[in-house]
Each structure stands twice: as structure tokens, then as C-alpha cells.
Amino acid sequence: MTAETTEARIDALEEKIAYQDQMIDDLNTAVTDQWKEIDTLRRLVSSLLDEVKEMELAARATPGREPPPPHY
């Protein structure tokens, strides 16, 4: 191997590593953004479930039917 070939190979490897580092940073950013969105959605779902439970309790607390008349 000549010095030029070795230098070319090292340059190619350095270039490849630079692209890989950039790709890792991009993927890390994407994953971080997705986790933030997932956390927001989890909180929203939890809030909605609480509201549904409150509505169910309120529906059970109010009488659904009127009692029969006294002559019935």
C-alpha cells in the first residue's frame, strides 16, 4: 500500500464517520421529539380518562328513571 492509498482510505473513513455522527444526532433528535409527543399524548389520554370517569359517576348519581307513581 502506498501512502496515497492509505491517506485516501483514512479520508474515506473520516468522511464516513462524520456522516454517521450526523445521522446519529439526527436520529437522537427525532427520538427525543417523539418521546416528548408521546408524553404529551399520555397526559392528554389520562386527562380524558379522568373526565370520562367523572361523567360516568355523574350519570350514575342522577336517577335515570322517575319512580313509579304512587298508584302504580
N, C-alpha and C. Protein backbone atom coordinates (compact mmCIF):
# COMPACT_ATOMS: atom_id res chain seq x y z
N MET A 1 0.84 -1.17 0.00
CA MET A 1 0.00 0.00 0.00
C MET A 1 0.89 1.24 0.00
N THR A 2 0.48 2.16 -0.79
CA THR A 2 1.25 3.39 -0.84
C THR A 2 0.68 4.38 0.17
N ALA A 3 1.42 5.43 0.41
CA ALA A 3 0.98 6.45 1.35
C ALA A 3 -0.29 7.13 0.85
N GLU A 4 -0.41 7.31 -0.46
CA GLU A 4 -1.60 7.94 -1.03
C GLU A 4 -2.84 7.08 -0.82
N THR A 5 -2.68 5.78 -1.02
CA THR A 5 -3.81 4.86 -0.84
C THR A 5 -4.25 4.84 0.62
N THR A 6 -3.28 4.80 1.52
CA THR A 6 -3.60 4.80 2.95
C THR A 6 -4.28 6.11 3.34
N GLU A 7 -3.76 7.21 2.83
CA GLU A 7 -4.35 8.51 3.14
C GLU A 7 -5.77 8.62 2.57
N ALA A 8 -5.98 8.09 1.37
CA ALA A 8 -7.32 8.11 0.76
C ALA A 8 -8.30 7.27 1.58
N ARG A 9 -7.82 6.12 2.05
CA ARG A 9 -8.69 5.26 2.87
C ARG A 9 -9.03 5.94 4.20
N ILE A 10 -8.04 6.59 4.80
CA ILE A 10 -8.29 7.29 6.06
C ILE A 10 -9.28 8.44 5.83
N ASP A 11 -9.10 9.17 4.74
CA ASP A 11 -10.04 10.26 4.42
C ASP A 11 -11.45 9.72 4.22
N ALA A 12 -11.57 8.59 3.54
CA ALA A 12 -12.89 7.99 3.30
C ALA A 12 -13.52 7.57 4.63
N LEU A 13 -12.72 6.99 5.51
CA LEU A 13 -13.24 6.57 6.82
C LEU A 13 -13.66 7.78 7.66
N GLU A 14 -12.87 8.84 7.62
CA GLU A 14 -13.22 10.04 8.36
C GLU A 14 -14.52 10.65 7.83
N GLU A 15 -14.68 10.63 6.52
CA GLU A 15 -15.90 11.14 5.92
C GLU A 15 -17.10 10.30 6.34
N LYS A 16 -16.92 8.98 6.32
CA LYS A 16 -17.99 8.06 6.71
C LYS A 16 -18.38 8.29 8.17
N ILE A 17 -17.39 8.47 9.03
CA ILE A 17 -17.66 8.70 10.45
C ILE A 17 -18.39 10.01 10.64
N ALA A 18 -18.02 11.04 9.90
CA ALA A 18 -18.70 12.33 10.01
C ALA A 18 -20.17 12.19 9.63
N TYR A 19 -20.47 11.46 8.55
CA TYR A 19 -21.86 11.25 8.15
C TYR A 19 -22.61 10.43 9.20
N GLN A 20 -21.94 9.43 9.75
CA GLN A 20 -22.58 8.61 10.78
C GLN A 20 -22.86 9.43 12.04
N ASP A 21 -21.94 10.28 12.43
CA ASP A 21 -22.17 11.13 13.58
C ASP A 21 -23.36 12.05 13.36
N GLN A 22 -23.45 12.62 12.16
CA GLN A 22 -24.59 13.48 11.85
C GLN A 22 -25.89 12.70 11.87
N MET A 23 -25.88 11.48 11.33
CA MET A 23 -27.08 10.64 11.31
C MET A 23 -27.50 10.28 12.74
N ILE A 24 -26.54 9.97 13.59
CA ILE A 24 -26.85 9.65 14.99
C ILE A 24 -27.47 10.86 15.67
N ASP A 25 -26.93 12.04 15.45
CA ASP A 25 -27.50 13.25 16.03
C ASP A 25 -28.93 13.48 15.53
N ASP A 26 -29.14 13.29 14.23
CA ASP A 26 -30.48 13.46 13.66
C ASP A 26 -31.47 12.46 14.25
N LEU A 27 -31.04 11.21 14.37
CA LEU A 27 -31.92 10.18 14.93
C LEU A 27 -32.21 10.46 16.41
N ASN A 28 -31.20 10.92 17.12
CA ASN A 28 -31.40 11.25 18.53
C ASN A 28 -32.43 12.38 18.68
N THR A 29 -32.33 13.37 17.82
CA THR A 29 -33.30 14.47 17.84
C THR A 29 -34.71 13.95 17.54
N ALA A 30 -34.82 13.09 16.55
CA ALA A 30 -36.13 12.54 16.18
C ALA A 30 -36.72 11.73 17.33
N VAL A 31 -35.91 10.90 17.96
CA VAL A 31 -36.39 10.08 19.07
C VAL A 31 -36.80 10.96 20.25
N THR A 32 -36.00 11.97 20.54
CA THR A 32 -36.33 12.88 21.64
C THR A 32 -37.65 13.60 21.36
N ASP A 33 -37.84 14.07 20.14
CA ASP A 33 -39.09 14.74 19.78
C ASP A 33 -40.28 13.79 19.90
N GLN A 34 -40.09 12.54 19.49
CA GLN A 34 -41.17 11.56 19.58
C GLN A 34 -41.52 11.27 21.03
N TRP A 35 -40.53 11.16 21.91
CA TRP A 35 -40.81 10.91 23.32
C TRP A 35 -41.57 12.07 23.94
N LYS A 36 -41.22 13.30 23.55
CA LYS A 36 -41.96 14.46 24.05
C LYS A 36 -43.41 14.39 23.60
N GLU A 37 -43.64 14.04 22.34
CA GLU A 37 -45.00 13.92 21.81
C GLU A 37 -45.75 12.79 22.52
N ILE A 38 -45.10 11.67 22.74
CA ILE A 38 -45.73 10.55 23.44
C ILE A 38 -46.11 10.95 24.86
N ASP A 39 -45.23 11.67 25.54
CA ASP A 39 -45.52 12.11 26.89
C ASP A 39 -46.73 13.05 26.91
N THR A 40 -46.78 13.96 25.95
CA THR A 40 -47.93 14.87 25.85
C THR A 40 -49.22 14.09 25.60
N LEU A 41 -49.17 13.12 24.70
CA LEU A 41 -50.36 12.32 24.39
C LEU A 41 -50.78 11.47 25.58
N ARG A 42 -49.82 10.94 26.32
CA ARG A 42 -50.17 10.15 27.51
C ARG A 42 -50.90 11.01 28.53
N ARG A 43 -50.41 12.24 28.74
CA ARG A 43 -51.07 13.13 29.69
C ARG A 43 -52.48 13.48 29.21
N LEU A 44 -52.63 13.68 27.91
CA LEU A 44 -53.94 14.00 27.36
C LEU A 44 -54.91 12.83 27.53
N VAL A 45 -54.45 11.63 27.24
CA VAL A 45 -55.31 10.45 27.39
C VAL A 45 -55.70 10.27 28.85
N SER A 46 -54.75 10.47 29.75
CA SER A 46 -55.05 10.34 31.17
C SER A 46 -56.10 11.36 31.60
N SER A 47 -55.96 12.58 31.12
CA SER A 47 -56.93 13.63 31.43
C SER A 47 -58.31 13.27 30.88
N LEU A 48 -58.35 12.77 29.66
CA LEU A 48 -59.63 12.38 29.06
C LEU A 48 -60.27 11.21 29.81
N LEU A 49 -59.45 10.26 30.24
CA LEU A 49 -60.00 9.14 31.02
C LEU A 49 -60.59 9.62 32.33
N ASP A 50 -59.92 10.57 32.97
CA ASP A 50 -60.45 11.14 34.21
C ASP A 50 -61.79 11.81 33.96
N GLU A 51 -61.90 12.55 32.86
CA GLU A 51 -63.15 13.21 32.53
C GLU A 51 -64.27 12.20 32.27
N VAL A 52 -63.95 11.13 31.56
CA VAL A 52 -64.96 10.10 31.27
C VAL A 52 -65.42 9.45 32.57
N LYS A 53 -64.48 9.17 33.48
CA LYS A 53 -64.86 8.57 34.76
C LYS A 53 -65.76 9.50 35.55
N GLU A 54 -65.45 10.80 35.54
CA GLU A 54 -66.29 11.76 36.24
C GLU A 54 -67.68 11.81 35.62
N MET A 55 -67.75 11.75 34.30
CA MET A 55 -69.05 11.77 33.63
C MET A 55 -69.85 10.51 33.96
N GLU A 56 -69.18 9.37 34.03
CA GLU A 56 -69.87 8.13 34.39
C GLU A 56 -70.42 8.21 35.81
N LEU A 57 -69.61 8.74 36.73
CA LEU A 57 -70.08 8.88 38.11
C LEU A 57 -71.25 9.85 38.19
N ALA A 58 -71.19 10.92 37.45
CA ALA A 58 -72.29 11.89 37.45
C ALA A 58 -73.54 11.27 36.86
N ALA A 59 -73.39 10.46 35.83
CA ALA A 59 -74.56 9.81 35.21
C ALA A 59 -75.19 8.80 36.17
N ARG A 60 -74.36 8.13 36.96
CA ARG A 60 -74.91 7.16 37.92
C ARG A 60 -75.57 7.86 39.10
N ALA A 61 -75.09 9.03 39.46
CA ALA A 61 -75.63 9.76 40.61
C ALA A 61 -77.01 10.32 40.32
N THR A 62 -77.27 10.71 39.09
CA THR A 62 -78.59 11.24 38.76
C THR A 62 -79.50 10.07 38.42
N PRO A 63 -80.71 10.12 38.91
CA PRO A 63 -81.62 9.00 38.62
C PRO A 63 -81.92 8.93 37.13
N GLY A 64 -81.86 7.75 36.60
CA GLY A 64 -82.11 7.56 35.17
C GLY A 64 -83.59 7.55 34.85
N ARG A 65 -84.39 7.02 35.79
CA ARG A 65 -85.83 6.96 35.56
C ARG A 65 -86.55 7.56 36.77
N GLU A 66 -87.73 8.03 36.49
CA GLU A 66 -88.54 8.54 37.58
C GLU A 66 -89.16 7.36 38.33
N PRO A 67 -89.37 7.53 39.62
CA PRO A 67 -90.01 6.42 40.34
C PRO A 67 -91.46 6.27 39.87
N PRO A 68 -91.99 5.11 39.99
CA PRO A 68 -93.39 4.92 39.53
C PRO A 68 -94.35 5.76 40.40
N PRO A 69 -95.45 6.14 39.81
CA PRO A 69 -96.42 6.93 40.60
C PRO A 69 -96.96 6.10 41.77
N PRO A 70 -97.48 6.77 42.77
CA PRO A 70 -97.93 6.05 43.97
C PRO A 70 -99.07 5.06 43.70
N HIS A 71 -99.88 5.31 42.72
CA HIS A 71 -101.00 4.39 42.46
C HIS A 71 -100.58 3.19 41.63
N TYR A 72 -99.38 3.08 41.28
CA TYR A 72 -98.93 2.00 40.38
C TYR A 72 -98.70 0.73 41.11
